[in-house]
Amino acid sequence: MRQYYVLTSNSDFLDVFTFIRNHNLEFSAHLNRTRFWVPDGPTLTEFLLRFAHTTSQVEDTDQI
């Protein structure tokens, strides 16, 4: 699973959050951002096609 975040101030925030809810993705809401996890497979492909330009992937700092 890959972890992403979207800033609350982002103009696409509501669209991304609707995607999260419609796909029952695990998420963690914060004041400034929402972090969420997208599983590999068709859901990830759809997510990236729709929102890769407006969200950011959280880097795994344990691997560095």
PDB file of N, CA and C in Angstrom:
ATOM      1  N   MET A   1       0.835  -1.173   0.000  1.00  0.00           N
ATOM      2  CA  MET A   1       0.000   0.000   0.000  1.00  0.00           C
ATOM      3  C   MET A   1       0.883   1.241   0.000  1.00  0.00           C
ATOM      4  N   ARG A   2       0.430   2.233  -0.697  1.00  0.00           N
ATOM      5  CA  ARG A   2       1.178   3.490  -0.754  1.00  0.00           C
ATOM      6  C   ARG A   2       0.421   4.571   0.013  1.00  0.00           C
ATOM      7  N   GLN A   3       1.173   5.423   0.672  1.00  0.00           N
ATOM      8  CA  GLN A   3       0.572   6.491   1.468  1.00  0.00           C
ATOM      9  C   GLN A   3       0.702   7.820   0.724  1.00  0.00           C
ATOM     10  N   TYR A   4      -0.393   8.566   0.708  1.00  0.00           N
ATOM     11  CA  TYR A   4      -0.444   9.866   0.062  1.00  0.00           C
ATOM     12  C   TYR A   4      -1.047  10.874   1.016  1.00  0.00           C
ATOM     13  N   TYR A   5      -0.958  12.148   0.650  1.00  0.00           N
ATOM     14  CA  TYR A   5      -1.668  13.175   1.396  1.00  0.00           C
ATOM     15  C   TYR A   5      -2.181  14.234   0.433  1.00  0.00           C
ATOM     16  N   VAL A   6      -3.228  14.904   0.875  1.00  0.00           N
ATOM     17  CA  VAL A   6      -3.776  16.036   0.142  1.00  0.00           C
ATOM     18  C   VAL A   6      -3.977  17.158   1.145  1.00  0.00           C
ATOM     19  N   LEU A   7      -3.579  18.357   0.778  1.00  0.00           N
ATOM     20  CA  LEU A   7      -3.740  19.508   1.653  1.00  0.00           C
ATOM     21  C   LEU A   7      -5.200  19.966   1.645  1.00  0.00           C
ATOM     22  N   THR A   8      -5.665  20.387   2.786  1.00  0.00           N
ATOM     23  CA  THR A   8      -7.041  20.862   2.921  1.00  0.00           C
ATOM     24  C   THR A   8      -7.289  22.071   2.021  1.00  0.00           C
ATOM     25  N   SER A   9      -6.284  22.888   1.811  1.00  0.00           N
ATOM     26  CA  SER A   9      -6.428  24.091   0.981  1.00  0.00           C
ATOM     27  C   SER A   9      -6.416  23.798  -0.519  1.00  0.00           C
ATOM     28  N   ASN A  10      -6.131  22.564  -0.900  1.00  0.00           N
ATOM     29  CA  ASN A  10      -6.070  22.178  -2.307  1.00  0.00           C
ATOM     30  C   ASN A  10      -7.457  22.284  -2.940  1.00  0.00           C
ATOM     31  N   SER A  11      -7.531  22.854  -4.126  1.00  0.00           N
ATOM     32  CA  SER A  11      -8.827  23.025  -4.796  1.00  0.00           C
ATOM     33  C   SER A  11      -9.497  21.692  -5.142  1.00  0.00           C
ATOM     34  N   ASP A  12      -8.736  20.614  -5.225  1.00  0.00           N
ATOM     35  CA  ASP A  12      -9.286  19.286  -5.522  1.00  0.00           C
ATOM     36  C   ASP A  12      -9.542  18.462  -4.263  1.00  0.00           C
ATOM     37  N   PHE A  13      -9.416  19.079  -3.092  1.00  0.00           N
ATOM     38  CA  PHE A  13      -9.553  18.338  -1.839  1.00  0.00           C
ATOM     39  C   PHE A  13     -10.859  17.550  -1.764  1.00  0.00           C
ATOM     40  N   LEU A  14     -11.974  18.178  -2.067  1.00  0.00           N
ATOM     41  CA  LEU A  14     -13.265  17.483  -1.947  1.00  0.00           C
ATOM     42  C   LEU A  14     -13.373  16.307  -2.914  1.00  0.00           C
ATOM     43  N   ASP A  15     -12.837  16.443  -4.114  1.00  0.00           N
ATOM     44  CA  ASP A  15     -12.852  15.333  -5.072  1.00  0.00           C
ATOM     45  C   ASP A  15     -12.000  14.168  -4.572  1.00  0.00           C
ATOM     46  N   VAL A  16     -10.824  14.485  -4.035  1.00  0.00           N
ATOM     47  CA  VAL A  16      -9.951  13.440  -3.501  1.00  0.00           C
ATOM     48  C   VAL A  16     -10.614  12.761  -2.301  1.00  0.00           C
ATOM     49  N   PHE A  17     -11.206  13.554  -1.411  1.00  0.00           N
ATOM     50  CA  PHE A  17     -11.841  12.979  -0.237  1.00  0.00           C
ATOM     51  C   PHE A  17     -13.046  12.117  -0.622  1.00  0.00           C
ATOM     52  N   THR A  18     -13.779  12.522  -1.629  1.00  0.00           N
ATOM     53  CA  THR A  18     -14.893  11.703  -2.125  1.00  0.00           C
ATOM     54  C   THR A  18     -14.366  10.368  -2.652  1.00  0.00           C
ATOM     55  N   PHE A  19     -13.247  10.400  -3.359  1.00  0.00           N
ATOM     56  CA  PHE A  19     -12.620   9.164  -3.849  1.00  0.00           C
ATOM     57  C   PHE A  19     -12.245   8.269  -2.668  1.00  0.00           C
ATOM     58  N   ILE A  20     -11.647   8.854  -1.645  1.00  0.00           N
ATOM     59  CA  ILE A  20     -11.248   8.100  -0.449  1.00  0.00           C
ATOM     60  C   ILE A  20     -12.462   7.405   0.163  1.00  0.00           C
ATOM     61  N   ARG A  21     -13.528   8.147   0.345  1.00  0.00           N
ATOM     62  CA  ARG A  21     -14.749   7.593   0.959  1.00  0.00           C
ATOM     63  C   ARG A  21     -15.405   6.542   0.061  1.00  0.00           C
ATOM     64  N   ASN A  22     -15.497   6.814  -1.238  1.00  0.00           N
ATOM     65  CA  ASN A  22     -16.143   5.871  -2.167  1.00  0.00           C
ATOM     66  C   ASN A  22     -15.401   4.549  -2.284  1.00  0.00           C
ATOM     67  N   HIS A  23     -14.081   4.570  -2.047  1.00  0.00           N
ATOM     68  CA  HIS A  23     -13.277   3.353  -2.142  1.00  0.00           C
ATOM     69  C   HIS A  23     -12.939   2.779  -0.760  1.00  0.00           C
ATOM     70  N   ASN A  24     -13.557   3.338   0.280  1.00  0.00           N
ATOM     71  CA  ASN A  24     -13.350   2.858   1.658  1.00  0.00           C
ATOM     72  C   ASN A  24     -11.874   2.761   2.025  1.00  0.00           C
ATOM     73  N   LEU A  25     -11.117   3.783   1.656  1.00  0.00           N
ATOM     74  CA  LEU A  25      -9.694   3.792   1.958  1.00  0.00           C
ATOM     75  C   LEU A  25      -9.474   4.244   3.396  1.00  0.00           C
ATOM     76  N   GLU A  26      -8.439   3.689   3.999  1.00  0.00           N
ATOM     77  CA  GLU A  26      -8.045   4.122   5.339  1.00  0.00           C
ATOM     78  C   GLU A  26      -7.483   5.532   5.224  1.00  0.00           C
ATOM     79  N   PHE A  27      -7.852   6.414   6.151  1.00  0.00           N
ATOM     80  CA  PHE A  27      -7.345   7.776   6.120  1.00  0.00           C
ATOM     81  C   PHE A  27      -7.183   8.312   7.532  1.00  0.00           C
ATOM     82  N   SER A  28      -6.399   9.369   7.622  1.00  0.00           N
ATOM     83  CA  SER A  28      -6.167  10.058   8.881  1.00  0.00           C
ATOM     84  C   SER A  28      -6.295  11.553   8.601  1.00  0.00           C
ATOM     85  N   ALA A  29      -7.366  12.156   9.127  1.00  0.00           N
ATOM     86  CA  ALA A  29      -7.626  13.580   8.879  1.00  0.00           C
ATOM     87  C   ALA A  29      -6.903  14.434   9.904  1.00  0.00           C
ATOM     88  N   HIS A  30      -6.263  15.485   9.421  1.00  0.00           N
ATOM     89  CA  HIS A  30      -5.574  16.463  10.252  1.00  0.00           C
ATOM     90  C   HIS A  30      -6.090  17.847   9.871  1.00  0.00           C
ATOM     91  N   LEU A  31      -5.720  18.844  10.606  1.00  0.00           N
ATOM     92  CA  LEU A  31      -6.196  20.201  10.341  1.00  0.00           C
ATOM     93  C   LEU A  31      -5.780  20.687   8.954  1.00  0.00           C
ATOM     94  N   ASN A  32      -4.541  20.450   8.579  1.00  0.00           N
ATOM     95  CA  ASN A  32      -3.997  20.989   7.338  1.00  0.00           C
ATOM     96  C   ASN A  32      -3.990  19.997   6.177  1.00  0.00           C
ATOM     97  N   ARG A  33      -4.122  18.710   6.474  1.00  0.00           N
ATOM     98  CA  ARG A  33      -4.007  17.712   5.419  1.00  0.00           C
ATOM     99  C   ARG A  33      -4.753  16.442   5.816  1.00  0.00           C
ATOM    100  N   THR A  34      -4.976  15.592   4.832  1.00  0.00           N
ATOM    101  CA  THR A  34      -5.515  14.258   5.073  1.00  0.00           C
ATOM    102  C   THR A  34      -4.542  13.259   4.466  1.00  0.00           C
ATOM    103  N   ARG A  35      -4.070  12.334   5.305  1.00  0.00           N
ATOM    104  CA  ARG A  35      -3.228  11.245   4.820  1.00  0.00           C
ATOM    105  C   ARG A  35      -4.122  10.054   4.544  1.00  0.00           C
ATOM    106  N   PHE A  36      -3.761   9.265   3.533  1.00  0.00           N
ATOM    107  CA  PHE A  36      -4.565   8.089   3.200  1.00  0.00           C
ATOM    108  C   PHE A  36      -3.701   7.053   2.495  1.00  0.00           C
ATOM    109  N   TRP A  37      -4.177   5.829   2.505  1.00  0.00           N
ATOM    110  CA  TRP A  37      -3.439   4.711   1.963  1.00  0.00           C
ATOM    111  C   TRP A  37      -4.205   4.112   0.797  1.00  0.00           C
ATOM    112  N   VAL A  38      -3.505   3.902  -0.330  1.00  0.00           N
ATOM    113  CA  VAL A  38      -4.116   3.369  -1.538  1.00  0.00           C
ATOM    114  C   VAL A  38      -3.461   2.022  -1.848  1.00  0.00           C
ATOM    115  N   PRO A  39      -4.280   0.951  -1.966  1.00  0.00           N
ATOM    116  CA  PRO A  39      -3.709  -0.362  -2.265  1.00  0.00           C
ATOM    117  C   PRO A  39      -3.263  -0.447  -3.728  1.00  0.00           C
ATOM    118  N   ASP A  40      -2.279  -1.283  -3.985  1.00  0.00           N
ATOM    119  CA  ASP A  40      -1.841  -1.534  -5.359  1.00  0.00           C
ATOM    120  C   ASP A  40      -2.981  -2.179  -6.135  1.00  0.00           C
ATOM    121  N   GLY A  41      -2.971  -2.005  -7.448  1.00  0.00           N
ATOM    122  CA  GLY A  41      -3.987  -2.617  -8.289  1.00  0.00           C
ATOM    123  C   GLY A  41      -4.839  -1.566  -8.986  1.00  0.00           C
ATOM    124  N   PRO A  42      -6.048  -1.944  -9.366  1.00  0.00           N
ATOM    125  CA  PRO A  42      -6.921  -1.040 -10.120  1.00  0.00           C
ATOM    126  C   PRO A  42      -7.256   0.261  -9.383  1.00  0.00           C
ATOM    127  N   THR A  43      -7.379   0.195  -8.058  1.00  0.00           N
ATOM    128  CA  THR A  43      -7.687   1.410  -7.298  1.00  0.00           C
ATOM    129  C   THR A  43      -6.538   2.404  -7.394  1.00  0.00           C
ATOM    130  N   LEU A  44      -5.309   1.917  -7.277  1.00  0.00           N
ATOM    131  CA  LEU A  44      -4.146   2.797  -7.396  1.00  0.00           C
ATOM    132  C   LEU A  44      -4.064   3.397  -8.796  1.00  0.00           C
ATOM    133  N   THR A  45      -4.300   2.581  -9.803  1.00  0.00           N
ATOM    134  CA  THR A  45      -4.263   3.080 -11.182  1.00  0.00           C
ATOM    135  C   THR A  45      -5.280   4.189 -11.393  1.00  0.00           C
ATOM    136  N   GLU A  46      -6.519   3.965 -10.942  1.00  0.00           N
ATOM    137  CA  GLU A  46      -7.550   4.990 -11.077  1.00  0.00           C
ATOM    138  C   GLU A  46      -7.171   6.251 -10.307  1.00  0.00           C
ATOM    139  N   PHE A  47      -6.674   6.059  -9.087  1.00  0.00           N
ATOM    140  CA  PHE A  47      -6.273   7.205  -8.266  1.00  0.00           C
ATOM    141  C   PHE A  47      -5.197   8.026  -8.961  1.00  0.00           C
ATOM    142  N   LEU A  48      -4.155   7.370  -9.449  1.00  0.00           N
ATOM    143  CA  LEU A  48      -3.048   8.091 -10.083  1.00  0.00           C
ATOM    144  C   LEU A  48      -3.492   8.810 -11.355  1.00  0.00           C
ATOM    145  N   LEU A  49      -4.356   8.177 -12.137  1.00  0.00           N
ATOM    146  CA  LEU A  49      -4.851   8.829 -13.352  1.00  0.00           C
ATOM    147  C   LEU A  49      -5.653  10.085 -13.031  1.00  0.00           C
ATOM    148  N   ARG A  50      -6.371  10.047 -11.930  1.00  0.00           N
ATOM    149  CA  ARG A  50      -7.234  11.182 -11.578  1.00  0.00           C
ATOM    150  C   ARG A  50      -6.543  12.244 -10.733  1.00  0.00           C
ATOM    151  N   PHE A  51      -5.622  11.830  -9.835  1.00  0.00           N
ATOM    152  CA  PHE A  51      -5.141  12.766  -8.821  1.00  0.00           C
ATOM    153  C   PHE A  51      -3.624  12.856  -8.653  1.00  0.00           C
ATOM    154  N   ALA A  52      -2.851  12.250  -9.502  1.00  0.00           N
ATOM    155  CA  ALA A  52      -1.392  12.302  -9.348  1.00  0.00           C
ATOM    156  C   ALA A  52      -0.868  13.734  -9.394  1.00  0.00           C
ATOM    157  N   HIS A  53      -1.549  14.603 -10.116  1.00  0.00           N
ATOM    158  CA  HIS A  53      -1.109  15.997 -10.269  1.00  0.00           C
ATOM    159  C   HIS A  53      -1.437  16.856  -9.050  1.00  0.00           C
ATOM    160  N   THR A  54      -2.275  16.359  -8.146  1.00  0.00           N
ATOM    161  CA  THR A  54      -2.771  17.204  -7.061  1.00  0.00           C
ATOM    162  C   THR A  54      -2.493  16.660  -5.662  1.00  0.00           C
ATOM    163  N   THR A  55      -1.906  15.466  -5.574  1.00  0.00           N
ATOM    164  CA  THR A  55      -1.574  14.868  -4.280  1.00  0.00           C
ATOM    165  C   THR A  55      -0.089  14.540  -4.238  1.00  0.00           C
ATOM    166  N   SER A  56       0.397  14.224  -3.050  1.00  0.00           N
ATOM    167  CA  SER A  56       1.806  13.879  -2.887  1.00  0.00           C
ATOM    168  C   SER A  56       1.936  12.550  -2.167  1.00  0.00           C
ATOM    169  N   GLN A  57       2.899  11.757  -2.596  1.00  0.00           N
ATOM    170  CA  GLN A  57       3.155  10.488  -1.927  1.00  0.00           C
ATOM    171  C   GLN A  57       4.050  10.747  -0.723  1.00  0.00           C
ATOM    172  N   VAL A  58       3.760  10.065   0.364  1.00  0.00           N
ATOM    173  CA  VAL A  58       4.577  10.152   1.579  1.00  0.00           C
ATOM    174  C   VAL A  58       5.730   9.170   1.404  1.00  0.00           C
ATOM    175  N   GLU A  59       6.939   9.698   1.460  1.00  0.00           N
ATOM    176  CA  GLU A  59       8.127   8.858   1.318  1.00  0.00           C
ATOM    177  C   GLU A  59       8.367   8.045   2.560  1.00  0.00           C
ATOM    178  N   ASP A  60       8.788   6.820   2.398  1.00  0.00           N
ATOM    179  CA  ASP A  60       9.106   5.942   3.534  1.00  0.00           C
ATOM    180  C   ASP A  60      10.509   6.252   4.005  1.00  0.00           C
ATOM    181  N   THR A  61      10.632   7.011   5.073  1.00  0.00           N
ATOM    182  CA  THR A  61      11.945   7.436   5.564  1.00  0.00           C
ATOM    183  C   THR A  61      12.739   6.289   6.183  1.00  0.00           C
ATOM    184  N   ASP A  62      12.078   5.166   6.508  1.00  0.00           N
ATOM    185  CA  ASP A  62      12.799   4.012   7.054  1.00  0.00           C
ATOM    186  C   ASP A  62      13.680   3.360   5.998  1.00  0.00           C
ATOM    187  N   GLN A  63      13.377   3.577   4.728  1.00  0.00           N
ATOM    188  CA  GLN A  63      14.122   2.966   3.643  1.00  0.00           C
ATOM    189  C   GLN A  63      15.335   3.785   3.220  1.00  0.00           C
ATOM    190  N   ILE A  64      15.468   4.995   3.738  1.00  0.00           N
ATOM    191  CA  ILE A  64      16.571   5.883   3.314  1.00  0.00           C
ATOM    192  C   ILE A  64      17.813   5.589   4.152  1.00  0.00           C
TER     193      ILE A  64
END
